[in-house]
Amino acid sequence: VQLQASGGGLVQAGGSLRLSCAASGSGSFSINYMGWYRQAPGKQREWVATIASGGRTNYAASVKGRFTLSGNSAENTVYLQMNSLKPEDTAVYYCNAYVVVKVANYEYWGRGTQVTVSS
């Protein structure tokens, strides 16, 4: 399973960006959870948001009310709509997924996409 992330960029504070992450693979698989983490320079990677296969979402306190995570289960794609962006949101954002292949569970990471918010 591969995770392809896109949508990062440079935006001014108060602006918006939308990140996308699509999961693909050569065999049959199902996704339990997909979400995003981020890592700012000099800091540890931190969890941002997760969506479960049933559509339930959870958000870190720092982004709740500003970020919205949605999914398209038919396309194995999730979207992170980021509004009211702040300079402290600047980080490399990583897509993450917990996937079931046959009866085994696996965790996958996508390549990061840079989000830069200027003040």
N, C-alpha and C. Protein backbone atom coordinates (compact mmCIF):
# COMPACT_ATOMS: atom_id res chain seq x y z
N VAL A 1 0.85 -1.19 0.00
CA VAL A 1 0.00 0.00 0.00
C VAL A 1 0.88 1.23 0.00
N GLN A 2 0.55 2.17 -0.86
CA GLN A 2 1.27 3.44 -0.91
C GLN A 2 0.31 4.58 -0.59
N LEU A 3 0.86 5.59 0.09
CA LEU A 3 0.08 6.78 0.40
C LEU A 3 0.69 7.94 -0.36
N GLN A 4 -0.13 8.60 -1.15
CA GLN A 4 0.32 9.74 -1.95
C GLN A 4 -0.34 11.00 -1.41
N ALA A 5 0.48 11.88 -0.86
CA ALA A 5 -0.03 13.12 -0.29
C ALA A 5 0.24 14.28 -1.24
N SER A 6 -0.63 15.26 -1.20
CA SER A 6 -0.45 16.45 -2.03
C SER A 6 -1.19 17.61 -1.39
N GLY A 7 -0.87 18.81 -1.87
CA GLY A 7 -1.63 19.98 -1.46
C GLY A 7 -0.92 20.97 -0.57
N GLY A 8 0.30 20.70 -0.19
CA GLY A 8 1.01 21.65 0.66
C GLY A 8 1.37 22.91 -0.10
N GLY A 9 1.91 23.87 0.61
CA GLY A 9 2.33 25.10 -0.04
C GLY A 9 2.57 26.21 0.96
N LEU A 10 2.66 27.42 0.40
CA LEU A 10 2.91 28.61 1.20
C LEU A 10 1.64 29.46 1.23
N VAL A 11 1.25 29.89 2.41
CA VAL A 11 0.05 30.70 2.57
C VAL A 11 0.26 31.70 3.68
N GLN A 12 -0.43 32.81 3.60
CA GLN A 12 -0.35 33.81 4.66
C GLN A 12 -1.22 33.39 5.84
N ALA A 13 -0.87 33.90 6.99
CA ALA A 13 -1.67 33.63 8.19
C ALA A 13 -3.12 34.03 7.94
N GLY A 14 -4.02 33.17 8.39
CA GLY A 14 -5.44 33.39 8.16
C GLY A 14 -5.96 32.73 6.90
N GLY A 15 -5.06 32.26 6.08
CA GLY A 15 -5.45 31.62 4.83
C GLY A 15 -5.81 30.16 5.00
N SER A 16 -6.03 29.51 3.86
CA SER A 16 -6.47 28.11 3.86
C SER A 16 -5.66 27.29 2.88
N LEU A 17 -5.56 26.00 3.20
CA LEU A 17 -4.97 25.01 2.30
C LEU A 17 -5.75 23.72 2.47
N ARG A 18 -5.71 22.89 1.44
CA ARG A 18 -6.32 21.57 1.54
C ARG A 18 -5.31 20.52 1.15
N LEU A 19 -5.09 19.58 2.05
CA LEU A 19 -4.21 18.46 1.78
C LEU A 19 -5.04 17.24 1.38
N SER A 20 -4.47 16.45 0.49
CA SER A 20 -5.12 15.21 0.07
C SER A 20 -4.15 14.05 0.30
N CYS A 21 -4.72 12.90 0.57
CA CYS A 21 -3.91 11.69 0.70
C CYS A 21 -4.69 10.53 0.13
N ALA A 22 -4.10 9.87 -0.85
CA ALA A 22 -4.76 8.74 -1.49
C ALA A 22 -3.98 7.47 -1.22
N ALA A 23 -4.68 6.43 -0.83
CA ALA A 23 -4.07 5.13 -0.60
C ALA A 23 -4.31 4.23 -1.80
N SER A 24 -3.27 3.54 -2.21
CA SER A 24 -3.39 2.64 -3.35
C SER A 24 -2.52 1.43 -3.12
N GLY A 25 -2.88 0.34 -3.77
CA GLY A 25 -2.10 -0.88 -3.64
C GLY A 25 -2.48 -1.87 -4.69
N SER A 26 -1.61 -2.85 -4.89
CA SER A 26 -1.84 -3.83 -5.95
C SER A 26 -2.80 -4.93 -5.53
N GLY A 27 -2.97 -5.14 -4.25
CA GLY A 27 -3.86 -6.19 -3.78
C GLY A 27 -5.07 -5.63 -3.07
N SER A 28 -5.83 -6.52 -2.46
CA SER A 28 -7.02 -6.10 -1.73
C SER A 28 -6.64 -5.67 -0.32
N PHE A 29 -7.20 -4.57 0.11
CA PHE A 29 -6.93 -4.10 1.46
C PHE A 29 -8.11 -3.25 1.92
N SER A 30 -8.19 -3.07 3.22
CA SER A 30 -9.20 -2.18 3.77
C SER A 30 -8.54 -1.25 4.78
N ILE A 31 -9.09 -0.08 4.89
CA ILE A 31 -8.50 0.95 5.74
C ILE A 31 -9.30 1.09 7.01
N ASN A 32 -8.64 0.96 8.13
CA ASN A 32 -9.30 1.19 9.42
C ASN A 32 -9.29 2.68 9.79
N TYR A 33 -8.12 3.29 9.64
CA TYR A 33 -7.96 4.70 9.99
C TYR A 33 -7.04 5.36 8.97
N MET A 34 -7.32 6.62 8.70
CA MET A 34 -6.38 7.46 7.96
C MET A 34 -6.32 8.81 8.64
N GLY A 35 -5.18 9.44 8.54
CA GLY A 35 -5.07 10.73 9.18
C GLY A 35 -3.78 11.42 8.85
N TRP A 36 -3.50 12.44 9.64
CA TRP A 36 -2.34 13.29 9.42
C TRP A 36 -1.57 13.53 10.72
N TYR A 37 -0.27 13.57 10.54
CA TYR A 37 0.65 14.01 11.57
C TYR A 37 1.45 15.17 10.98
N ARG A 38 2.13 15.90 11.83
CA ARG A 38 3.00 16.97 11.34
C ARG A 38 4.24 17.07 12.20
N GLN A 39 5.28 17.60 11.58
CA GLN A 39 6.54 17.78 12.29
C GLN A 39 7.13 19.12 11.92
N ALA A 40 7.22 19.98 12.91
CA ALA A 40 7.83 21.29 12.73
C ALA A 40 9.33 21.17 12.96
N PRO A 41 10.09 22.10 12.43
CA PRO A 41 11.55 22.05 12.60
C PRO A 41 11.94 22.02 14.07
N GLY A 42 12.78 21.07 14.43
CA GLY A 42 13.27 20.97 15.79
C GLY A 42 12.28 20.37 16.77
N LYS A 43 11.15 19.90 16.27
CA LYS A 43 10.13 19.34 17.16
C LYS A 43 9.82 17.91 16.77
N GLN A 44 9.19 17.19 17.70
CA GLN A 44 8.78 15.83 17.42
C GLN A 44 7.52 15.82 16.56
N ARG A 45 7.35 14.73 15.84
CA ARG A 45 6.15 14.57 15.05
C ARG A 45 4.94 14.51 15.98
N GLU A 46 3.88 15.20 15.62
CA GLU A 46 2.69 15.21 16.45
C GLU A 46 1.45 14.85 15.63
N TRP A 47 0.51 14.25 16.28
CA TRP A 47 -0.74 13.85 15.66
C TRP A 47 -1.60 15.08 15.41
N VAL A 48 -2.27 15.11 14.25
CA VAL A 48 -3.13 16.23 13.89
C VAL A 48 -4.61 15.81 13.90
N ALA A 49 -4.94 14.78 13.12
CA ALA A 49 -6.34 14.37 13.00
C ALA A 49 -6.41 12.97 12.42
N THR A 50 -7.50 12.28 12.72
CA THR A 50 -7.72 10.93 12.23
C THR A 50 -9.19 10.76 11.88
N ILE A 51 -9.44 9.98 10.83
CA ILE A 51 -10.80 9.60 10.47
C ILE A 51 -10.86 8.08 10.43
N ALA A 52 -11.90 7.53 11.07
CA ALA A 52 -12.07 6.08 11.07
C ALA A 52 -12.88 5.65 9.85
N SER A 53 -12.88 4.37 9.59
CA SER A 53 -13.57 3.87 8.40
C SER A 53 -15.06 4.20 8.43
N GLY A 54 -15.62 4.34 9.61
CA GLY A 54 -17.03 4.69 9.71
C GLY A 54 -17.31 6.18 9.60
N GLY A 55 -16.24 6.97 9.50
CA GLY A 55 -16.39 8.40 9.32
C GLY A 55 -16.16 9.24 10.56
N ARG A 56 -15.96 8.60 11.70
CA ARG A 56 -15.74 9.37 12.93
C ARG A 56 -14.37 10.03 12.87
N THR A 57 -14.33 11.29 13.25
CA THR A 57 -13.10 12.06 13.22
C THR A 57 -12.67 12.49 14.61
N ASN A 58 -11.37 12.65 14.76
CA ASN A 58 -10.80 13.18 15.99
C ASN A 58 -9.71 14.16 15.62
N TYR A 59 -9.57 15.21 16.43
CA TYR A 59 -8.62 16.27 16.14
C TYR A 59 -7.79 16.60 17.36
N ALA A 60 -6.57 17.01 17.10
CA ALA A 60 -5.75 17.57 18.17
C ALA A 60 -6.36 18.89 18.61
N ALA A 61 -6.17 19.21 19.87
CA ALA A 61 -6.76 20.44 20.41
C ALA A 61 -6.27 21.68 19.67
N SER A 62 -5.04 21.62 19.19
CA SER A 62 -4.44 22.79 18.54
C SER A 62 -5.07 23.11 17.19
N VAL A 63 -5.79 22.16 16.59
CA VAL A 63 -6.37 22.39 15.27
C VAL A 63 -7.88 22.29 15.28
N LYS A 64 -8.46 21.84 16.36
CA LYS A 64 -9.90 21.65 16.42
C LYS A 64 -10.62 22.96 16.16
N GLY A 65 -11.61 22.90 15.29
CA GLY A 65 -12.36 24.10 14.94
C GLY A 65 -11.79 24.84 13.74
N ARG A 66 -10.55 24.52 13.37
CA ARG A 66 -9.93 25.15 12.21
C ARG A 66 -9.69 24.16 11.07
N PHE A 67 -9.41 22.92 11.42
CA PHE A 67 -9.14 21.89 10.42
C PHE A 67 -10.32 20.93 10.35
N THR A 68 -10.61 20.46 9.14
CA THR A 68 -11.67 19.48 8.94
C THR A 68 -11.14 18.34 8.10
N LEU A 69 -11.28 17.13 8.62
CA LEU A 69 -10.83 15.93 7.91
C LEU A 69 -12.04 15.20 7.36
N SER A 70 -11.99 14.90 6.08
CA SER A 70 -13.09 14.16 5.46
C SER A 70 -12.50 13.06 4.59
N GLY A 71 -13.36 12.12 4.20
CA GLY A 71 -12.85 11.00 3.43
C GLY A 71 -13.78 10.57 2.32
N ASN A 72 -13.20 9.97 1.31
CA ASN A 72 -13.94 9.35 0.23
C ASN A 72 -13.55 7.88 0.24
N SER A 73 -14.38 7.06 0.85
CA SER A 73 -14.02 5.66 1.04
C SER A 73 -13.90 4.92 -0.29
N ALA A 74 -14.69 5.30 -1.27
CA ALA A 74 -14.64 4.62 -2.56
C ALA A 74 -13.30 4.82 -3.25
N GLU A 75 -12.66 5.95 -2.96
CA GLU A 75 -11.37 6.26 -3.59
C GLU A 75 -10.22 6.13 -2.62
N ASN A 76 -10.51 5.68 -1.38
CA ASN A 76 -9.46 5.55 -0.36
C ASN A 76 -8.65 6.83 -0.23
N THR A 77 -9.37 7.94 -0.17
CA THR A 77 -8.73 9.25 -0.12
C THR A 77 -9.28 10.05 1.05
N VAL A 78 -8.41 10.79 1.70
CA VAL A 78 -8.84 11.70 2.74
C VAL A 78 -8.38 13.11 2.39
N TYR A 79 -9.13 14.07 2.92
CA TYR A 79 -8.84 15.47 2.66
C TYR A 79 -8.77 16.21 3.99
N LEU A 80 -7.74 17.01 4.15
CA LEU A 80 -7.62 17.83 5.34
C LEU A 80 -7.76 19.29 4.92
N GLN A 81 -8.90 19.86 5.24
CA GLN A 81 -9.14 21.27 4.95
C GLN A 81 -8.63 22.08 6.13
N MET A 82 -7.69 22.94 5.87
CA MET A 82 -7.06 23.73 6.93
C MET A 82 -7.40 25.19 6.74
N ASN A 83 -8.16 25.73 7.67
CA ASN A 83 -8.58 27.13 7.62
C ASN A 83 -7.95 27.91 8.77
N SER A 84 -8.01 29.20 8.66
CA SER A 84 -7.47 30.09 9.71
C SER A 84 -6.07 29.65 10.11
N LEU A 85 -5.25 29.43 9.13
CA LEU A 85 -3.90 28.92 9.40
C LEU A 85 -3.06 29.93 10.16
N LYS A 86 -2.22 29.40 11.03
CA LYS A 86 -1.34 30.21 11.87
C LYS A 86 0.11 29.86 11.56
N PRO A 87 1.03 30.76 11.82
CA PRO A 87 2.44 30.44 11.60
C PRO A 87 2.87 29.17 12.34
N GLU A 88 2.29 28.90 13.47
CA GLU A 88 2.65 27.69 14.22
C GLU A 88 2.14 26.41 13.58
N ASP A 89 1.34 26.53 12.53
CA ASP A 89 0.93 25.36 11.77
C ASP A 89 2.00 24.95 10.75
N THR A 90 3.02 25.77 10.60
CA THR A 90 4.09 25.45 9.67
C THR A 90 4.78 24.16 10.07
N ALA A 91 4.83 23.23 9.14
CA ALA A 91 5.40 21.92 9.42
C ALA A 91 5.38 21.08 8.15
N VAL A 92 6.04 19.95 8.21
CA VAL A 92 5.87 18.94 7.18
C VAL A 92 4.73 18.04 7.65
N TYR A 93 3.74 17.88 6.80
CA TYR A 93 2.56 17.09 7.14
C TYR A 93 2.69 15.71 6.50
N TYR A 94 2.43 14.68 7.32
CA TYR A 94 2.56 13.30 6.88
C TYR A 94 1.22 12.59 6.96
N CYS A 95 0.86 11.93 5.88
CA CYS A 95 -0.33 11.11 5.86
C CYS A 95 -0.02 9.76 6.52
N ASN A 96 -1.00 9.23 7.23
CA ASN A 96 -0.82 7.99 7.97
C ASN A 96 -2.05 7.11 7.79
N ALA A 97 -1.85 5.81 7.71
CA ALA A 97 -3.00 4.91 7.56
C ALA A 97 -2.75 3.59 8.27
N TYR A 98 -3.79 3.07 8.89
CA TYR A 98 -3.78 1.72 9.44
C TYR A 98 -4.63 0.87 8.51
N VAL A 99 -3.99 -0.14 7.95
CA VAL A 99 -4.59 -0.90 6.86
C VAL A 99 -4.62 -2.38 7.21
N VAL A 100 -5.69 -3.03 6.82
CA VAL A 100 -5.78 -4.48 6.98
C VAL A 100 -5.56 -5.12 5.62
N VAL A 101 -4.55 -5.99 5.54
CA VAL A 101 -4.28 -6.76 4.34
C VAL A 101 -4.44 -8.22 4.72
N LYS A 102 -5.44 -8.86 4.12
CA LYS A 102 -5.86 -10.20 4.54
C LYS A 102 -6.24 -10.12 6.02
N VAL A 103 -5.52 -10.72 6.92
CA VAL A 103 -5.90 -10.66 8.34
C VAL A 103 -4.87 -9.90 9.16
N ALA A 104 -3.88 -9.31 8.51
CA ALA A 104 -2.83 -8.62 9.23
C ALA A 104 -3.03 -7.11 9.17
N ASN A 105 -2.63 -6.43 10.24
CA ASN A 105 -2.72 -4.97 10.32
C ASN A 105 -1.36 -4.34 10.04
N TYR A 106 -1.37 -3.31 9.26
CA TYR A 106 -0.14 -2.62 8.93
C TYR A 106 -0.35 -1.12 9.08
N GLU A 107 0.74 -0.43 9.39
CA GLU A 107 0.72 1.03 9.43
C GLU A 107 1.59 1.55 8.29
N TYR A 108 1.07 2.52 7.57
CA TYR A 108 1.80 3.10 6.46
C TYR A 108 1.92 4.62 6.64
N TRP A 109 2.99 5.13 6.07
CA TRP A 109 3.23 6.58 6.07
C TRP A 109 3.46 7.05 4.65
N GLY A 110 2.95 8.23 4.36
CA GLY A 110 3.26 8.85 3.09
C GLY A 110 4.45 9.77 3.23
N ARG A 111 4.95 10.20 2.09
CA ARG A 111 5.99 11.22 2.13
C ARG A 111 5.37 12.52 2.59
N GLY A 112 6.12 13.31 3.27
CA GLY A 112 5.59 14.55 3.80
C GLY A 112 5.35 15.60 2.74
N THR A 113 4.46 16.50 3.08
CA THR A 113 4.21 17.66 2.23
C THR A 113 4.34 18.91 3.09
N GLN A 114 5.11 19.87 2.59
CA GLN A 114 5.44 21.06 3.38
C GLN A 114 4.28 22.05 3.38
N VAL A 115 3.94 22.51 4.56
CA VAL A 115 2.99 23.60 4.74
C VAL A 115 3.72 24.74 5.45
N THR A 116 3.74 25.90 4.83
CA THR A 116 4.39 27.06 5.41
C THR A 116 3.40 28.20 5.51
N VAL A 117 3.25 28.71 6.72
CA VAL A 117 2.31 29.81 6.97
C VAL A 117 3.13 31.03 7.37
N SER A 118 3.05 32.06 6.59
CA SER A 118 3.81 33.27 6.87
C SER A 118 2.98 34.24 7.70
N SER A 119 3.67 34.99 8.54
CA SER A 119 2.96 35.94 9.41
C SER A 119 2.78 37.28 8.73
